[in-house]
Amino acid sequence: MINRIYLKDCLSFKEIDLEFNKGLNVFTGPSGAGKSILMQAILSLFAQSDVRANLGEVLLSDSKIIDELYDLDLNDDIIIKTIKKEKVRFFINNQTISKKNLNTFSSKLIKHLNLRDTSDFESFKLLNFLDKLSSINDRKFIEIKSNFDLVYKELVVLKKELEKIKNDELKIEDLKEFAKFEIEKIEAINPTLDEYEELNLLKRKLSKKDKIEDAIKDASEILNYRHSVSNTLELLEEDSSFFDETMNELNNIFEKFNDSLFELEDIDIETVLTRIEKLASLQKRFGSIESALEYKEEKKKELLSYDNITFEKSVLEKKIDKLTNEVNKLSLEISVYRKNSVVILEDKINEYLKFLYLSNAKITIQEKNLDSFGIDEVYFELNGVSLNTISSGEYNRLRLALLTSMSEFDIIENGVLFLDEIDANLSGKESDAIANVLSTLSNSYQIFAISHQPQLTSVSSQHFLVDKKDGISTIKLLSKDERINEIARMISGEKITKNAIEFAKNLLIKK
């Protein structure tokens, strides 16, 4: 249960420091005073809504939770803190925890019932709950459901692959022609690795061919004087070997270039330029010759796969048939468990409906087309009619019975229920019924409720008044006399009458 809540700088509230008892804790007050802000702020301490307070702390005792990760044993105190600066940080017993993990952790402790949310009767939500209940009652169900999820996921993937193949079949000839066209375009050029760079080098040589020939011709004149220089060096009695070696090296260089230039004689520069242009077009499209060659190989593989598509389709269809049979078998097994759980849930709902002046809620599971939830669809009836035809009061009371029934399985013993305006817009008789149910339920759960009706307020264990003056919200625990005045205000409005006072006193006496 929640023992204490502390909040600082939470929208219209400057500071909140409250202690709570077991049982039913009710918040009342004028419209706009900040009751919903307070409820959302408390829920934010459990990562169930956005954090608005700069600092928050909640102390829980008798949690009935064992958690090795956070070193929690049975009945250990739990302190959850939130700090909001540049970002929000969460702590549990001084250990940091993510919002997602705190939300998962706190879902074992608390449940928020909000009648404004009308999605609780939706089939997928009820199926999720029935699966949870089935898991609690028989651990074997967990394995069956897990296998179903895995097989169904694989089946969906294979069906998408088959759909693609079928679509490809419709345009297979176009795809074949395109693949062939792309292959032929590259093969027509037939590039090789490094060819583009080699041809550009050749292009540069060809562009300098005439200049090189003229330069070598002019420079070769020096060779005509080599004997004269050698003879002069001999007459001077100087070693001429260095000069002879230099002349030989120079002659070799000139002959090597002459040989290479001779090889260029038969090369057509236009042919080279045309080839470079074609290779450049591949470079531009694919980024490199290597990428172009890889693309060609991919298209060849695609062409081969198109030829094998009939075989692949046949293999895929056999796999899908096998998985479909398997998933149908598993969905039927799941359905049996769910139908057993429906009986438990239905009995529990009707047990609560007795206190709400209603009866004969019926839950049926009907077969539908297979999807990720299986083959089951959940339907609700009250006294033999669908929920679309019952009154809003009947709908709200049935929903309360559903939510409270689910809470008994959703959260642990001595958990906490948050009820947001659970008795809004109800008649006196309906409010009495809800007050009786919640009073009984508060023996097993600590309950926090916002109320606009005197019936629920009068049966509370603790009654808190939320008020607002000059834009600042405050909250206080009311004494018995203060409770009488507040309940009288709820009955007669701001101008409290003697009759309202007497009625409020009688309500509290009945408690």
Protein backbone atom coordinates (compact mmCIF):
# COMPACT_ATOMS: atom_id res chain seq x y z
CA MET A 1 0.00 0.00 0.00
CA ILE A 2 0.99 3.65 -0.41
CA ASN A 3 2.02 5.15 2.96
CA ARG A 4 3.23 8.57 1.92
CA ILE A 5 3.41 10.80 -1.15
CA TYR A 6 5.56 13.90 -1.51
CA LEU A 7 5.41 16.24 -4.53
CA LYS A 8 7.10 19.61 -5.07
CA ASP A 9 6.34 22.24 -7.74
CA CYS A 10 3.63 20.28 -9.53
CA LEU A 11 1.73 22.70 -11.77
CA SER A 12 -0.78 24.51 -9.50
CA PHE A 13 0.45 22.65 -6.39
CA LYS A 14 3.50 24.13 -4.65
CA GLU A 15 4.03 21.22 -2.28
CA ILE A 16 2.11 18.06 -1.36
CA ASP A 17 3.00 15.91 1.64
CA LEU A 18 0.33 13.29 2.42
CA GLU A 19 0.09 10.11 4.45
CA PHE A 20 -2.49 7.43 3.65
CA ASN A 21 -4.21 4.55 5.39
CA LYS A 22 -5.46 1.29 3.95
CA GLY A 23 -8.91 1.20 2.44
CA LEU A 24 -10.70 3.85 0.40
CA ASN A 25 -9.12 7.31 0.04
CA VAL A 26 -11.38 9.85 -1.69
CA PHE A 27 -10.49 13.26 -3.14
CA THR A 28 -13.27 15.84 -3.56
CA GLY A 29 -13.40 19.55 -4.23
CA PRO A 30 -14.75 22.18 -6.62
CA SER A 31 -14.31 21.77 -10.37
CA GLY A 32 -10.93 23.05 -11.53
CA ALA A 33 -9.36 22.79 -8.07
CA GLY A 34 -6.74 20.29 -9.28
CA LYS A 35 -8.10 16.83 -8.43
CA SER A 36 -7.19 15.35 -11.82
CA ILE A 37 -3.77 17.02 -11.67
CA LEU A 38 -3.21 15.37 -8.30
CA MET A 39 -4.30 11.94 -9.57
CA GLN A 40 -2.05 12.19 -12.63
CA ALA A 41 0.86 13.38 -10.46
CA ILE A 42 0.51 10.33 -8.20
CA LEU A 43 0.32 8.04 -11.23
CA SER A 44 3.45 9.70 -12.67
CA LEU A 45 5.41 8.40 -9.67
CA PHE A 46 4.75 4.92 -11.08
CA ALA A 47 5.58 5.96 -14.68
CA GLN A 48 1.89 5.64 -15.57
CA SER A 49 1.63 9.26 -16.82
CA ASP A 50 3.91 12.20 -17.66
CA VAL A 51 5.91 13.66 -14.78
CA ARG A 52 4.87 17.23 -13.93
CA ALA A 53 6.46 17.70 -10.48
CA ASN A 54 10.08 18.79 -10.17
CA LEU A 55 10.49 16.36 -7.28
CA GLY A 56 8.36 13.39 -6.29
CA GLU A 57 8.55 10.49 -3.84
CA VAL A 58 6.23 7.67 -2.85
CA LEU A 59 6.70 5.19 0.00
CA LEU A 60 5.05 1.76 -0.25
CA SER A 61 4.89 -1.00 2.35
CA ASP A 62 3.69 -4.62 2.39
CA SER A 63 4.32 -4.81 -1.35
CA LYS A 64 4.24 -8.63 -1.67
CA ILE A 65 6.89 -8.30 -4.39
CA ILE A 66 10.13 -10.27 -4.64
CA ASP A 67 12.62 -8.79 -7.09
CA GLU A 68 16.30 -9.82 -7.12
CA LEU A 69 17.28 -7.03 -9.51
CA TYR A 70 16.22 -4.36 -7.01
CA ASP A 71 17.00 -6.49 -3.94
CA LEU A 72 13.37 -6.64 -2.81
CA ASP A 73 12.03 -9.30 -0.47
CA LEU A 74 8.49 -9.95 0.67
CA ASN A 75 7.02 -7.01 2.65
CA ASP A 76 10.06 -4.78 2.05
CA ASP A 77 9.44 -1.04 1.90
CA ILE A 78 9.75 0.46 -1.59
CA ILE A 79 10.69 4.10 -2.22
CA ILE A 80 10.19 5.44 -5.74
CA LYS A 81 11.56 8.89 -6.59
CA THR A 82 11.31 11.16 -9.63
CA ILE A 83 13.51 14.16 -10.33
CA LYS A 84 12.70 16.52 -13.19
CA LYS A 85 15.41 18.91 -14.39
CA GLU A 86 16.59 18.94 -17.99
CA LYS A 87 15.11 15.45 -18.19
CA VAL A 88 13.16 13.12 -15.89
CA ARG A 89 15.03 10.52 -13.85
CA PHE A 90 13.45 7.64 -11.93
CA PHE A 91 14.81 5.80 -8.88
CA ILE A 92 13.63 2.75 -6.96
CA ASN A 93 15.28 2.32 -3.54
CA ASN A 94 18.04 4.69 -4.75
CA GLN A 95 18.74 2.61 -7.87
CA THR A 96 18.13 4.27 -11.22
CA ILE A 97 15.43 2.71 -13.36
CA SER A 98 14.10 3.53 -16.83
CA LYS A 99 10.55 4.78 -17.29
CA LYS A 100 9.68 1.66 -19.29
CA ASN A 101 11.02 -0.70 -16.61
CA LEU A 102 9.34 1.27 -13.82
CA ASN A 103 6.04 1.11 -15.72
CA THR A 104 6.41 -2.67 -16.04
CA PHE A 105 7.41 -3.01 -12.38
CA SER A 106 4.57 -0.85 -11.07
CA SER A 107 1.95 -2.65 -13.18
CA LYS A 108 2.27 -5.48 -10.62
CA LEU A 109 1.33 -3.04 -7.87
CA ILE A 110 -1.21 -0.60 -9.27
CA LYS A 111 -4.04 -0.32 -11.77
CA HIS A 112 -5.70 2.82 -13.08
CA LEU A 113 -9.42 2.51 -13.86
CA ASN A 114 -10.72 5.43 -15.90
CA LEU A 115 -14.34 5.34 -17.07
CA ARG A 116 -13.56 7.90 -19.76
CA ASP A 117 -11.55 5.20 -21.51
CA THR A 118 -14.20 3.06 -23.20
CA SER A 119 -11.86 0.59 -24.85
CA ASP A 120 -11.97 -2.11 -22.16
CA PHE A 121 -14.65 -4.12 -23.97
CA GLU A 122 -12.60 -4.28 -27.17
CA SER A 123 -11.91 -7.86 -28.17
CA PHE A 124 -8.11 -7.62 -28.37
CA LYS A 125 -7.85 -6.20 -24.83
CA LEU A 126 -10.10 -8.93 -23.44
CA LEU A 127 -8.13 -11.60 -25.30
CA ASN A 128 -4.89 -10.29 -23.80
CA PHE A 129 -6.43 -10.51 -20.35
CA LEU A 130 -7.82 -14.01 -20.96
CA ASP A 131 -4.33 -15.08 -22.06
CA LYS A 132 -2.88 -13.66 -18.85
CA LEU A 133 -5.51 -15.47 -16.79
CA SER A 134 -4.87 -18.70 -18.70
CA SER A 135 -1.14 -18.35 -17.98
CA ILE A 136 -1.85 -17.95 -14.27
CA ASN A 137 -4.09 -21.02 -14.19
CA ASP A 138 -1.91 -23.31 -16.34
CA ARG A 139 1.77 -22.71 -17.13
CA LYS A 140 1.50 -24.98 -20.16
CA PHE A 141 -0.53 -22.25 -21.86
CA ILE A 142 2.54 -19.98 -21.92
CA GLU A 143 4.42 -22.49 -24.08
CA ILE A 144 1.44 -22.98 -26.43
CA LYS A 145 0.92 -19.23 -26.85
CA SER A 146 4.63 -18.64 -27.39
CA ASN A 147 4.73 -21.33 -30.10
CA PHE A 148 1.66 -19.81 -31.74
CA ASP A 149 3.27 -16.35 -31.84
CA LEU A 150 6.48 -17.72 -33.39
CA VAL A 151 4.70 -19.86 -36.00
CA TYR A 152 2.24 -17.10 -36.88
CA LYS A 153 5.08 -14.60 -37.33
CA GLU A 154 6.90 -17.01 -39.66
CA LEU A 155 3.66 -17.67 -41.55
CA VAL A 156 3.13 -13.93 -42.14
CA VAL A 157 6.68 -13.59 -43.51
CA LEU A 158 6.27 -16.54 -45.88
CA LYS A 159 2.89 -15.28 -47.08
CA LYS A 160 4.47 -11.95 -47.97
CA GLU A 161 7.18 -13.77 -49.89
CA LEU A 162 4.54 -15.80 -51.74
CA GLU A 163 2.59 -12.64 -52.52
CA LYS A 164 5.74 -11.10 -54.00
CA ILE A 165 6.35 -14.18 -56.12
CA LYS A 166 2.77 -14.08 -57.39
CA ASN A 167 3.12 -10.42 -58.25
CA ASP A 168 6.44 -11.17 -59.94
CA GLU A 169 4.77 -13.91 -61.95
CA LEU A 170 2.33 -11.41 -63.43
CA LYS A 171 5.19 -9.30 -64.73
CA ILE A 172 7.80 -12.04 -65.07
CA GLU A 173 8.39 -11.51 -68.78
CA ASP A 174 8.92 -7.79 -68.32
CA LEU A 175 11.34 -8.49 -65.49
CA LYS A 176 13.20 -11.04 -67.60
CA GLU A 177 13.49 -8.62 -70.52
CA PHE A 178 14.72 -5.85 -68.25
CA ALA A 179 17.36 -8.11 -66.65
CA LYS A 180 18.54 -9.29 -70.07
CA PHE A 181 18.66 -5.71 -71.34
CA GLU A 182 20.78 -4.59 -68.39
CA ILE A 183 23.17 -7.54 -68.78
CA GLU A 184 23.54 -6.98 -72.53
CA LYS A 185 24.26 -3.27 -72.06
CA ILE A 186 27.20 -4.01 -69.78
CA GLU A 187 28.41 -7.01 -71.81
CA ALA A 188 28.32 -4.90 -74.99
CA ILE A 189 30.99 -2.70 -73.43
CA ASN A 190 32.57 -5.72 -71.71
CA PRO A 191 34.72 -3.71 -69.29
CA THR A 192 37.61 -5.10 -67.29
CA LEU A 193 38.94 -3.91 -63.96
CA ASP A 194 41.52 -1.07 -64.18
CA GLU A 195 40.83 -0.67 -67.93
CA TYR A 196 39.49 2.85 -67.49
CA GLU A 197 42.65 4.02 -65.70
CA GLU A 198 44.96 2.29 -68.22
CA LEU A 199 43.20 3.88 -71.21
CA ASN A 200 43.41 7.34 -69.66
CA LEU A 201 47.16 6.81 -69.21
CA LEU A 202 47.39 5.77 -72.86
CA LYS A 203 45.37 8.82 -73.84
CA ARG A 204 47.87 11.08 -72.10
CA LYS A 205 50.77 9.35 -73.90
CA LEU A 206 49.11 9.75 -77.28
CA SER A 207 48.39 13.42 -76.63
CA LYS A 208 52.16 14.01 -75.97
CA LYS A 209 53.46 11.66 -78.74
CA ASP A 210 54.54 14.36 -81.26
CA LYS A 211 56.08 16.56 -78.59
CA ILE A 212 58.10 13.63 -77.21
CA GLU A 213 59.36 12.66 -80.69
CA ASP A 214 60.56 16.23 -81.41
CA ALA A 215 62.16 16.56 -78.00
CA ILE A 216 64.05 13.25 -78.33
CA LYS A 217 65.21 14.23 -81.81
CA ASP A 218 66.62 17.54 -80.54
CA ALA A 219 68.15 15.99 -77.45
CA SER A 220 69.78 13.17 -79.47
CA GLU A 221 72.24 15.68 -80.96
CA ILE A 222 74.31 15.35 -77.80
CA LEU A 223 75.07 11.74 -78.68
CA ASN A 224 76.94 12.91 -81.85
CA TYR A 225 79.57 14.49 -79.60
CA ARG A 226 80.14 11.63 -77.22
CA HIS A 227 83.41 10.49 -78.95
CA SER A 228 84.78 14.02 -78.98
CA VAL A 229 84.08 14.43 -75.30
CA SER A 230 85.63 11.03 -74.51
CA ASN A 231 88.78 11.86 -76.50
CA THR A 232 89.11 15.24 -74.77
CA LEU A 233 88.86 13.61 -71.36
CA GLU A 234 91.58 11.14 -72.34
CA LEU A 235 93.88 13.96 -73.47
CA LEU A 236 93.25 15.61 -70.13
CA GLU A 237 94.09 12.28 -68.52
CA GLU A 238 90.69 12.24 -66.77
CA ASP A 239 88.58 9.13 -66.23
CA SER A 240 85.83 9.12 -68.89
CA SER A 241 83.85 6.16 -67.52
CA PHE A 242 81.31 8.36 -65.76
CA PHE A 243 80.59 10.16 -69.03
CA ASP A 244 80.30 6.93 -71.02
CA GLU A 245 77.89 5.46 -68.48
CA THR A 246 75.74 8.60 -68.58
CA MET A 247 75.63 8.59 -72.36
CA ASN A 248 74.71 4.90 -72.42
CA GLU A 249 71.88 5.46 -69.90
CA LEU A 250 70.61 8.43 -71.88
CA ASN A 251 70.69 6.43 -75.09
CA ASN A 252 68.75 3.59 -73.44
CA ILE A 253 66.08 6.02 -72.21
CA PHE A 254 65.66 7.50 -75.67
CA GLU A 255 65.48 4.05 -77.32
CA LYS A 256 62.91 2.87 -74.74
CA PHE A 257 60.68 5.83 -75.46
CA ASN A 258 61.17 5.37 -79.19
CA ASP A 259 60.06 1.76 -78.84
CA SER A 260 56.97 2.76 -76.88
CA LEU A 261 56.16 5.49 -79.36
CA PHE A 262 56.53 2.97 -82.12
CA GLU A 263 53.95 0.79 -80.41
CA LEU A 264 51.54 3.75 -80.37
CA GLU A 265 51.78 4.10 -84.14
CA ASP A 266 49.08 1.47 -84.72
CA ILE A 267 46.71 2.85 -82.02
CA ASP A 268 43.78 4.95 -83.21
CA ILE A 269 43.20 7.83 -80.81
CA GLU A 270 39.49 8.04 -81.78
CA THR A 271 39.03 4.39 -80.86
CA VAL A 272 40.63 5.02 -77.47
CA LEU A 273 38.48 8.10 -76.84
CA THR A 274 35.30 6.23 -77.80
CA ARG A 275 36.20 3.38 -75.45
CA ILE A 276 36.94 5.80 -72.62
CA GLU A 277 33.58 7.49 -73.19
CA LYS A 278 31.72 4.17 -72.90
CA LEU A 279 33.59 3.21 -69.75
CA ALA A 280 32.93 6.70 -68.36
CA SER A 281 29.20 6.18 -68.86
CA LEU A 282 29.39 3.03 -66.71
CA GLN A 283 31.46 4.89 -64.11
CA LYS A 284 28.85 7.65 -63.97
CA ARG A 285 25.91 5.27 -63.56
CA PHE A 286 27.40 2.75 -61.15
CA GLY A 287 30.18 4.71 -59.46
CA SER A 288 32.90 2.29 -60.60
CA ILE A 289 33.59 -0.44 -63.15
CA GLU A 290 33.70 -2.92 -60.27
CA SER A 291 30.15 -1.94 -59.24
CA ALA A 292 28.96 -2.28 -62.83
CA LEU A 293 30.35 -5.82 -63.01
CA GLU A 294 28.73 -6.67 -59.66
CA TYR A 295 25.40 -5.32 -60.93
CA LYS A 296 25.70 -7.52 -64.02
CA GLU A 297 26.22 -10.60 -61.84
CA GLU A 298 23.20 -9.64 -59.68
CA LYS A 299 21.03 -9.38 -62.78
CA LYS A 300 22.27 -12.77 -63.95
CA LYS A 301 21.23 -14.24 -60.58
CA GLU A 302 17.85 -12.52 -60.86
CA LEU A 303 17.38 -13.96 -64.33
CA LEU A 304 18.21 -17.40 -62.96
CA SER A 305 15.75 -16.91 -60.06
CA TYR A 306 12.99 -15.96 -62.51
CA ASP A 307 13.62 -19.21 -64.30
CA ASN A 308 13.33 -21.02 -60.92
CA ILE A 309 10.32 -19.05 -59.70
CA THR A 310 7.80 -21.82 -60.34
CA PHE A 311 9.84 -24.22 -58.26
CA GLU A 312 10.29 -21.67 -55.44
CA LYS A 313 6.57 -20.96 -55.43
CA SER A 314 5.76 -24.64 -55.08
CA VAL A 315 8.19 -25.08 -52.16
CA LEU A 316 6.85 -21.94 -50.45
CA GLU A 317 3.22 -23.05 -50.82
CA LYS A 318 4.04 -26.37 -49.16
CA LYS A 319 5.73 -24.59 -46.25
CA ILE A 320 2.75 -22.26 -45.86
CA ASP A 321 0.31 -25.17 -45.86
CA LYS A 322 2.33 -26.89 -43.14
CA LEU A 323 2.56 -23.73 -41.00
CA THR A 324 -1.13 -22.95 -41.53
CA ASN A 325 -2.09 -26.37 -40.22
CA GLU A 326 0.24 -25.91 -37.27
CA VAL A 327 -1.00 -22.42 -36.40
CA ASN A 328 -4.64 -23.51 -36.74
CA LYS A 329 -4.01 -26.39 -34.36
CA LEU A 330 -2.34 -24.08 -31.84
CA SER A 331 -5.11 -21.47 -32.15
CA LEU A 332 -7.70 -24.15 -31.36
CA GLU A 333 -5.74 -25.16 -28.25
CA ILE A 334 -5.51 -21.51 -27.21
CA SER A 335 -9.25 -21.11 -27.73
CA VAL A 336 -9.99 -23.96 -25.29
CA TYR A 337 -7.92 -22.26 -22.58
CA ARG A 338 -9.60 -18.92 -23.25
CA LYS A 339 -13.08 -20.42 -23.00
CA ASN A 340 -12.18 -21.91 -19.62
CA SER A 341 -10.87 -18.51 -18.48
CA VAL A 342 -14.04 -16.80 -19.74
CA VAL A 343 -16.07 -18.86 -17.26
CA ILE A 344 -13.87 -17.64 -14.39
CA LEU A 345 -14.06 -14.00 -15.53
CA GLU A 346 -17.80 -14.16 -16.16
CA ASP A 347 -18.51 -15.60 -12.69
CA LYS A 348 -16.38 -12.91 -11.06
CA ILE A 349 -18.14 -10.12 -13.01
CA ASN A 350 -21.60 -11.40 -12.08
CA GLU A 351 -20.48 -11.62 -8.46
CA TYR A 352 -19.78 -7.87 -8.51
CA LEU A 353 -22.93 -7.12 -10.51
CA LYS A 354 -25.07 -8.40 -7.64
CA PHE A 355 -23.87 -5.43 -5.59
CA LEU A 356 -24.49 -3.08 -8.54
CA TYR A 357 -28.14 -4.08 -9.02
CA LEU A 358 -27.36 -5.82 -12.30
CA SER A 359 -27.06 -9.45 -13.38
CA ASN A 360 -26.72 -11.88 -16.25
CA ALA A 361 -23.53 -10.67 -17.90
CA LYS A 362 -22.57 -13.16 -20.60
CA ILE A 363 -19.22 -13.42 -22.35
CA THR A 364 -18.98 -15.53 -25.50
CA ILE A 365 -16.06 -16.42 -27.71
CA GLN A 366 -16.88 -16.75 -31.39
CA GLU A 367 -14.67 -17.90 -34.24
CA LYS A 368 -13.28 -15.41 -36.71
CA ASN A 369 -10.63 -15.42 -39.43
CA LEU A 370 -7.15 -16.17 -38.15
CA ASP A 371 -4.99 -13.19 -37.16
CA SER A 372 -2.22 -12.49 -34.64
CA PHE A 373 -4.72 -13.02 -31.79
CA GLY A 374 -5.81 -16.41 -33.08
CA ILE A 375 -9.32 -17.34 -34.20
CA ASP A 376 -11.23 -15.87 -31.24
CA GLU A 377 -13.46 -12.82 -31.00
CA VAL A 378 -14.93 -11.81 -27.61
CA TYR A 379 -18.52 -10.55 -27.28
CA PHE A 380 -20.33 -9.16 -24.22
CA GLU A 381 -24.03 -9.24 -23.45
CA LEU A 382 -26.09 -8.03 -20.51
CA ASN A 383 -29.45 -9.71 -19.97
CA GLY A 384 -29.32 -11.11 -23.47
CA VAL A 385 -28.73 -7.81 -25.30
CA SER A 386 -25.57 -6.29 -26.75
CA LEU A 387 -23.75 -3.45 -25.02
CA ASN A 388 -24.85 -1.06 -27.77
CA THR A 389 -28.43 -1.15 -26.47
CA ILE A 390 -27.94 -0.83 -22.68
CA SER A 391 -28.12 2.50 -20.80
CA SER A 392 -25.02 4.53 -19.91
CA GLY A 393 -25.59 3.77 -16.23
CA GLU A 394 -25.74 0.04 -16.91
CA TYR A 395 -22.70 0.31 -19.15
CA ASN A 396 -20.64 2.10 -16.45
CA ARG A 397 -21.61 -0.38 -13.74
CA LEU A 398 -20.85 -3.35 -15.98
CA ARG A 399 -17.53 -1.77 -16.85
CA LEU A 400 -16.71 -1.26 -13.18
CA ALA A 401 -17.50 -4.93 -12.55
CA LEU A 402 -15.23 -5.92 -15.46
CA LEU A 403 -12.35 -3.70 -14.38
CA THR A 404 -12.50 -4.69 -10.72
CA SER A 405 -12.72 -8.37 -11.69
CA MET A 406 -9.67 -8.03 -13.91
CA SER A 407 -7.82 -6.15 -11.16
CA GLU A 408 -8.01 -9.19 -8.91
CA PHE A 409 -5.81 -11.04 -11.41
CA ASP A 410 -3.82 -8.10 -12.79
CA ILE A 411 -2.20 -6.85 -9.61
CA ILE A 412 -0.93 -8.55 -6.49
CA GLU A 413 -2.78 -8.86 -3.18
CA ASN A 414 -2.85 -5.54 -1.31
CA GLY A 415 -2.30 -3.69 -4.58
CA VAL A 416 -3.51 -0.17 -5.31
CA LEU A 417 -6.46 0.91 -7.48
CA PHE A 418 -6.81 4.43 -8.89
CA LEU A 419 -10.36 5.39 -9.88
CA ASP A 420 -10.82 8.57 -11.89
CA GLU A 421 -14.39 9.96 -11.46
CA ILE A 422 -15.79 6.44 -11.29
CA ASP A 423 -19.20 7.71 -10.12
CA ALA A 424 -19.62 10.70 -12.42
CA ASN A 425 -23.09 11.32 -13.91
CA LEU A 426 -24.75 8.45 -12.03
CA SER A 427 -28.10 8.35 -10.28
CA GLY A 428 -28.34 8.05 -6.49
CA LYS A 429 -29.12 4.33 -6.70
CA GLU A 430 -26.20 3.68 -9.05
CA SER A 431 -23.88 5.75 -6.84
CA ASP A 432 -24.98 3.75 -3.80
CA ALA A 433 -24.22 0.52 -5.64
CA ILE A 434 -20.74 1.66 -6.69
CA ALA A 435 -20.01 2.90 -3.17
CA ASN A 436 -20.96 -0.51 -1.74
CA VAL A 437 -18.76 -2.37 -4.24
CA LEU A 438 -15.75 -0.13 -3.67
CA SER A 439 -16.21 -0.26 0.09
CA THR A 440 -16.08 -4.06 -0.10
CA LEU A 441 -13.18 -3.97 -2.56
CA SER A 442 -11.20 -1.67 -0.25
CA ASN A 443 -10.87 -4.59 2.18
CA SER A 444 -8.50 -6.20 -0.34
CA TYR A 445 -7.06 -3.15 -2.11
CA GLN A 446 -6.01 0.35 -1.22
CA ILE A 447 -8.18 2.62 -3.38
CA PHE A 448 -7.68 6.23 -4.48
CA ALA A 449 -10.74 7.82 -6.05
CA ILE A 450 -11.90 11.21 -7.29
CA SER A 451 -15.59 11.54 -6.50
CA HIS A 452 -18.43 13.98 -7.23
CA GLN A 453 -21.07 12.00 -5.36
CA PRO A 454 -21.75 11.98 -1.60
CA GLN A 455 -22.43 8.22 -1.50
CA LEU A 456 -18.88 7.14 -2.36
CA THR A 457 -17.35 9.97 -0.36
CA SER A 458 -19.25 8.99 2.78
CA VAL A 459 -17.85 5.43 2.85
CA SER A 460 -14.20 6.52 2.46
CA SER A 461 -11.59 5.68 5.05
CA GLN A 462 -9.93 9.04 4.45
CA HIS A 463 -11.48 12.10 2.83
CA PHE A 464 -9.21 14.73 1.27
CA LEU A 465 -10.36 18.14 0.07
CA VAL A 466 -8.65 19.68 -2.95
CA ASP A 467 -9.16 23.46 -3.17
CA LYS A 468 -7.72 26.34 -5.18
CA LYS A 469 -7.24 29.99 -4.30
CA ASP A 470 -5.37 32.65 -6.26
CA GLY A 471 -4.20 29.97 -8.69
CA ILE A 472 -2.59 27.83 -5.96
CA SER A 473 -4.02 24.35 -5.27
CA THR A 474 -3.97 22.85 -1.80
CA ILE A 475 -5.04 19.55 -0.26
CA LYS A 476 -5.95 18.61 3.30
CA LEU A 477 -7.25 15.61 5.22
CA LEU A 478 -10.72 16.44 6.58
CA SER A 479 -11.92 15.92 10.12
CA LYS A 480 -15.41 14.49 10.75
CA ASP A 481 -17.06 17.92 10.96
CA GLU A 482 -15.18 19.11 7.88
CA ARG A 483 -16.35 15.99 6.03
CA ILE A 484 -19.96 16.81 6.90
CA ASN A 485 -19.58 20.31 5.43
CA GLU A 486 -17.87 19.05 2.26
CA ILE A 487 -20.45 16.31 1.65
CA ALA A 488 -23.21 18.88 2.26
CA ARG A 489 -21.56 21.14 -0.35
CA MET A 490 -21.54 18.23 -2.81
CA ILE A 491 -25.29 17.78 -2.17
CA SER A 492 -26.54 21.36 -2.24
CA GLY A 493 -23.80 23.37 -3.91
CA GLU A 494 -21.84 26.32 -2.54
CA LYS A 495 -24.85 27.52 -0.54
CA ILE A 496 -25.04 24.74 2.06
CA THR A 497 -28.52 24.05 3.45
CA LYS A 498 -29.58 22.53 6.78
CA ASN A 499 -31.16 19.62 4.93
CA ALA A 500 -27.87 18.97 3.17
CA ILE A 501 -26.06 19.00 6.53
CA GLU A 502 -28.54 16.51 7.99
CA PHE A 503 -28.30 14.28 4.91
CA ALA A 504 -24.50 14.32 5.12
CA LYS A 505 -24.60 13.40 8.82
CA ASN A 506 -26.95 10.49 8.10
CA LEU A 507 -24.68 9.21 5.34
CA LEU A 508 -21.69 9.19 7.69
CA ILE A 509 -23.73 7.54 10.45
CA LYS A 510 -24.68 4.74 8.06
CA LYS A 511 -21.01 4.19 7.40
